[in-house]
Amino acid sequence: MTSKYLSGVLVIALSCVLCVPAKADSGTIGGVGTGTIVGVVVGVVAVVAVVVIVVIHKTSGKRTITGCVRPAQNGMTVNDEKDKRAYALSGDTAGVKAGERMTLEGKKVKPDAGNPPGWEITKVRTDYGVCQT
C-alpha cells in the first residue's frame, strides 16, 4: 500500500516538472530561471524522501500491546491499557499466562464478522506479574 502512495506522489511530482515548456536558448524555462526550477525539484524530492522515511518507520517498527491477559471461550484476550479495547490473542502464545499483566509484541489482526479484533503475538516482551484489579 505504501508503494501505491509513493508511486502517486512521484507521478505528480514528475508531471509538474515535465509540464513546464523548455526553451534551450534563453537560460530560462517558461519564463522561470533554471535555478528556481532546480530549487523546486530539490524541495519536492526532499519532501518525498521525508514522507517515505516516516511511512517506512511507522510501518516497520515493532508494535506492542500492554494489558491484562484474560481467559476467554476460544483462548485468551488482552485488554489494552492504551485504547481500552480487548483483543483476541493468536500466534506464539507459549509464554502468555492468563491473569498476568504483560507486554506483547506483534501486530493487530482485523476482526472477522462478529468477532473482536485480534492480536497476533510474535514475542512476549515483559511479564509484570499478577494483574491488579
C-alpha atoms as a PDB file:
ATOM      1  CA  MET A   1       0.000   0.000   0.000  1.00  0.00           C
ATOM      2  CA  THR A   2       2.926   2.316   0.704  1.00  0.00           C
ATOM      3  CA  SER A   3       4.266   1.834  -2.821  1.00  0.00           C
ATOM      4  CA  LYS A   4       0.908   2.982  -4.254  1.00  0.00           C
ATOM      5  CA  TYR A   5       1.149   6.291  -2.392  1.00  0.00           C
ATOM      6  CA  LEU A   6       4.811   6.703  -3.258  1.00  0.00           C
ATOM      7  CA  SER A   7       4.108   6.000  -6.926  1.00  0.00           C
ATOM      8  CA  GLY A   8       1.290   8.539  -6.934  1.00  0.00           C
ATOM      9  CA  VAL A   9       3.445  11.237  -5.342  1.00  0.00           C
ATOM     10  CA  LEU A  10       6.285  10.582  -7.777  1.00  0.00           C
ATOM     11  CA  VAL A  11       3.937  10.682 -10.782  1.00  0.00           C
ATOM     12  CA  ILE A  12       2.501  14.023  -9.640  1.00  0.00           C
ATOM     13  CA  ALA A  13       5.959  15.481  -8.975  1.00  0.00           C
ATOM     14  CA  LEU A  14       7.277  14.308 -12.337  1.00  0.00           C
ATOM     15  CA  SER A  15       4.174  15.640 -14.118  1.00  0.00           C
ATOM     16  CA  CYS A  16       4.665  19.072 -12.537  1.00  0.00           C
ATOM     17  CA  VAL A  17       8.291  19.195 -13.631  1.00  0.00           C
ATOM     18  CA  LEU A  18       7.595  17.978 -17.159  1.00  0.00           C
ATOM     19  CA  CYS A  19       4.581  20.226 -17.823  1.00  0.00           C
ATOM     20  CA  VAL A  20       6.771  23.348 -17.931  1.00  0.00           C
ATOM     21  CA  PRO A  21       7.848  24.129 -21.530  1.00  0.00           C
ATOM     22  CA  ALA A  22      11.610  24.322 -22.003  1.00  0.00           C
ATOM     23  CA  LYS A  23      13.486  26.924 -24.049  1.00  0.00           C
ATOM     24  CA  ALA A  24      17.040  25.924 -24.810  1.00  0.00           C
ATOM     25  CA  ASP A  25      18.298  29.303 -25.905  1.00  0.00           C
ATOM     26  CA  SER A  26      17.434  31.690 -23.078  1.00  0.00           C
ATOM     27  CA  GLY A  27      18.593  30.024 -19.839  1.00  0.00           C
ATOM     28  CA  THR A  28      15.034  30.118 -18.537  1.00  0.00           C
ATOM     29  CA  ILE A  29      12.196  27.640 -18.697  1.00  0.00           C
ATOM     30  CA  GLY A  30       8.771  29.131 -19.280  1.00  0.00           C
ATOM     31  CA  GLY A  31       9.962  32.494 -18.007  1.00  0.00           C
ATOM     32  CA  VAL A  32      11.290  30.979 -14.785  1.00  0.00           C
ATOM     33  CA  GLY A  33      15.013  30.762 -14.099  1.00  0.00           C
ATOM     34  CA  THR A  34      16.609  27.325 -14.105  1.00  0.00           C
ATOM     35  CA  GLY A  35      17.859  27.921 -10.560  1.00  0.00           C
ATOM     36  CA  THR A  36      14.267  28.302  -9.382  1.00  0.00           C
ATOM     37  CA  ILE A  37      13.228  25.088 -11.094  1.00  0.00           C
ATOM     38  CA  VAL A  38      16.170  23.201  -9.630  1.00  0.00           C
ATOM     39  CA  GLY A  39      15.222  24.529  -6.198  1.00  0.00           C
ATOM     40  CA  VAL A  40      11.613  23.387  -6.600  1.00  0.00           C
ATOM     41  CA  VAL A  41      12.685  19.933  -7.796  1.00  0.00           C
ATOM     42  CA  VAL A  42      15.104  19.545  -4.886  1.00  0.00           C
ATOM     43  CA  GLY A  43      12.374  20.646  -2.480  1.00  0.00           C
ATOM     44  CA  VAL A  44       9.883  18.147  -3.897  1.00  0.00           C
ATOM     45  CA  VAL A  45      12.436  15.341  -3.730  1.00  0.00           C
ATOM     46  CA  ALA A  46      13.246  16.234  -0.113  1.00  0.00           C
ATOM     47  CA  VAL A  47       9.572  16.207   0.870  1.00  0.00           C
ATOM     48  CA  VAL A  48       9.007  12.850  -0.853  1.00  0.00           C
ATOM     49  CA  ALA A  49      12.068  11.396   0.877  1.00  0.00           C
ATOM     50  CA  VAL A  50      10.867  12.552   4.314  1.00  0.00           C
ATOM     51  CA  VAL A  51       7.381  11.136   3.694  1.00  0.00           C
ATOM     52  CA  VAL A  52       8.810   7.784   2.581  1.00  0.00           C
ATOM     53  CA  ILE A  53      11.109   7.567   5.614  1.00  0.00           C
ATOM     54  CA  VAL A  54       8.266   8.393   8.017  1.00  0.00           C
ATOM     55  CA  VAL A  55       5.908   5.862   6.407  1.00  0.00           C
ATOM     56  CA  ILE A  56       8.535   3.117   6.431  1.00  0.00           C
ATOM     57  CA  HIS A  57       9.411   3.888  10.050  1.00  0.00           C
ATOM     58  CA  LYS A  58       5.755   3.765  11.126  1.00  0.00           C
ATOM     59  CA  THR A  59       5.007   0.501   9.322  1.00  0.00           C
ATOM     60  CA  SER A  60       8.191  -1.403  10.079  1.00  0.00           C
ATOM     61  CA  GLY A  61       8.533  -0.705  13.791  1.00  0.00           C
ATOM     62  CA  LYS A  62       7.724  -3.412  16.292  1.00  0.00           C
ATOM     63  CA  ARG A  63       4.288  -2.937  17.731  1.00  0.00           C
ATOM     64  CA  THR A  64       3.487  -3.743  21.332  1.00  0.00           C
ATOM     65  CA  ILE A  65       0.410  -4.042  23.454  1.00  0.00           C
ATOM     66  CA  THR A  66       0.342  -3.946  27.255  1.00  0.00           C
ATOM     67  CA  GLY A  67      -2.505  -5.144  29.416  1.00  0.00           C
ATOM     68  CA  CYS A  68      -4.035  -7.911  31.482  1.00  0.00           C
ATOM     69  CA  VAL A  69      -4.411 -11.290  29.827  1.00  0.00           C
ATOM     70  CA  ARG A  70      -7.758 -12.954  30.500  1.00  0.00           C
ATOM     71  CA  PRO A  71      -9.082 -16.431  29.665  1.00  0.00           C
ATOM     72  CA  ALA A  72     -11.845 -16.490  27.032  1.00  0.00           C
ATOM     73  CA  GLN A  73     -14.078 -19.087  25.371  1.00  0.00           C
ATOM     74  CA  ASN A  74     -11.733 -19.658  22.436  1.00  0.00           C
ATOM     75  CA  GLY A  75      -8.358 -18.919  24.027  1.00  0.00           C
ATOM     76  CA  MET A  76      -7.204 -15.705  25.683  1.00  0.00           C
ATOM     77  CA  THR A  77      -7.767 -11.972  25.347  1.00  0.00           C
ATOM     78  CA  VAL A  78      -5.745  -8.951  26.410  1.00  0.00           C
ATOM     79  CA  ASN A  79      -7.256  -5.630  27.478  1.00  0.00           C
ATOM     80  CA  ASP A  80      -5.040  -2.923  26.003  1.00  0.00           C
ATOM     81  CA  GLU A  81      -4.230  -0.193  28.529  1.00  0.00           C
ATOM     82  CA  LYS A  82      -3.884   2.474  25.808  1.00  0.00           C
ATOM     83  CA  ASP A  83      -7.061   2.131  23.765  1.00  0.00           C
ATOM     84  CA  LYS A  84      -9.123   0.229  26.390  1.00  0.00           C
ATOM     85  CA  ARG A  85     -10.102  -2.484  23.876  1.00  0.00           C
ATOM     86  CA  ALA A  86      -9.993  -6.250  24.218  1.00  0.00           C
ATOM     87  CA  TYR A  87      -8.027  -8.245  21.630  1.00  0.00           C
ATOM     88  CA  ALA A  88      -8.247 -11.992  20.991  1.00  0.00           C
ATOM     89  CA  LEU A  89      -4.741 -13.467  21.162  1.00  0.00           C
ATOM     90  CA  SER A  90      -3.233 -15.699  18.482  1.00  0.00           C
ATOM     91  CA  GLY A  91       0.221 -16.609  17.216  1.00  0.00           C
ATOM     92  CA  ASP A  92       3.033 -17.587  19.599  1.00  0.00           C
ATOM     93  CA  THR A  93       1.095 -17.834  22.878  1.00  0.00           C
ATOM     94  CA  ALA A  94       3.582 -20.209  24.556  1.00  0.00           C
ATOM     95  CA  GLY A  95       4.722 -17.777  27.275  1.00  0.00           C
ATOM     96  CA  VAL A  96       1.399 -15.992  27.746  1.00  0.00           C
ATOM     97  CA  LYS A  97      -0.247 -16.548  31.137  1.00  0.00           C
ATOM     98  CA  ALA A  98      -3.865 -15.740  31.956  1.00  0.00           C
ATOM     99  CA  GLY A  99      -4.190 -13.352  34.909  1.00  0.00           C
ATOM    100  CA  GLU A 100      -0.820 -11.685  34.213  1.00  0.00           C
ATOM    101  CA  ARG A 101      -0.115  -8.131  33.058  1.00  0.00           C
ATOM    102  CA  MET A 102       2.138  -8.447  30.008  1.00  0.00           C
ATOM    103  CA  THR A 103       3.670  -6.528  27.139  1.00  0.00           C
ATOM    104  CA  LEU A 104       3.328  -8.484  23.894  1.00  0.00           C
ATOM    105  CA  GLU A 105       4.999  -7.789  20.554  1.00  0.00           C
ATOM    106  CA  GLY A 106       3.056  -8.481  17.398  1.00  0.00           C
ATOM    107  CA  LYS A 107       0.510  -6.942  15.119  1.00  0.00           C
ATOM    108  CA  LYS A 108      -3.178  -6.126  15.132  1.00  0.00           C
ATOM    109  CA  VAL A 109      -5.376  -8.535  13.184  1.00  0.00           C
ATOM    110  CA  LYS A 110      -8.532  -7.260  11.527  1.00  0.00           C
ATOM    111  CA  PRO A 111     -11.674  -8.723  13.073  1.00  0.00           C
ATOM    112  CA  ASP A 112     -13.894 -11.225  11.291  1.00  0.00           C
ATOM    113  CA  ALA A 113     -17.637 -10.666  11.222  1.00  0.00           C
ATOM    114  CA  GLY A 114     -18.927 -10.697  14.792  1.00  0.00           C
ATOM    115  CA  ASN A 115     -15.515 -11.291  16.375  1.00  0.00           C
ATOM    116  CA  PRO A 116     -13.375  -8.834  18.331  1.00  0.00           C
ATOM    117  CA  PRO A 117     -10.136  -7.544  16.810  1.00  0.00           C
ATOM    118  CA  GLY A 118      -7.176  -9.841  17.302  1.00  0.00           C
ATOM    119  CA  TRP A 119      -3.531  -9.567  18.253  1.00  0.00           C
ATOM    120  CA  GLU A 120      -1.035 -11.935  16.628  1.00  0.00           C
ATOM    121  CA  ILE A 121       1.816 -12.395  19.095  1.00  0.00           C
ATOM    122  CA  THR A 122       5.381 -12.721  17.866  1.00  0.00           C
ATOM    123  CA  LYS A 123       7.097 -12.383  21.252  1.00  0.00           C
ATOM    124  CA  VAL A 124       6.358 -11.907  24.938  1.00  0.00           C
ATOM    125  CA  ARG A 125       8.414  -8.855  25.838  1.00  0.00           C
ATOM    126  CA  THR A 126       7.661  -8.383  29.551  1.00  0.00           C
ATOM    127  CA  ASP A 127       5.661 -10.184  32.244  1.00  0.00           C
ATOM    128  CA  TYR A 128       4.794  -7.743  35.023  1.00  0.00           C
ATOM    129  CA  GLY A 129       3.142 -10.336  37.258  1.00  0.00           C
ATOM    130  CA  VAL A 130      -0.397 -10.688  38.510  1.00  0.00           C
ATOM    131  CA  CYS A 131      -2.964  -8.158  37.253  1.00  0.00           C
ATOM    132  CA  GLN A 132      -4.090  -5.544  39.760  1.00  0.00           C
ATOM    133  CA  THR A 133      -7.881  -5.370  39.754  1.00  0.00           C
END
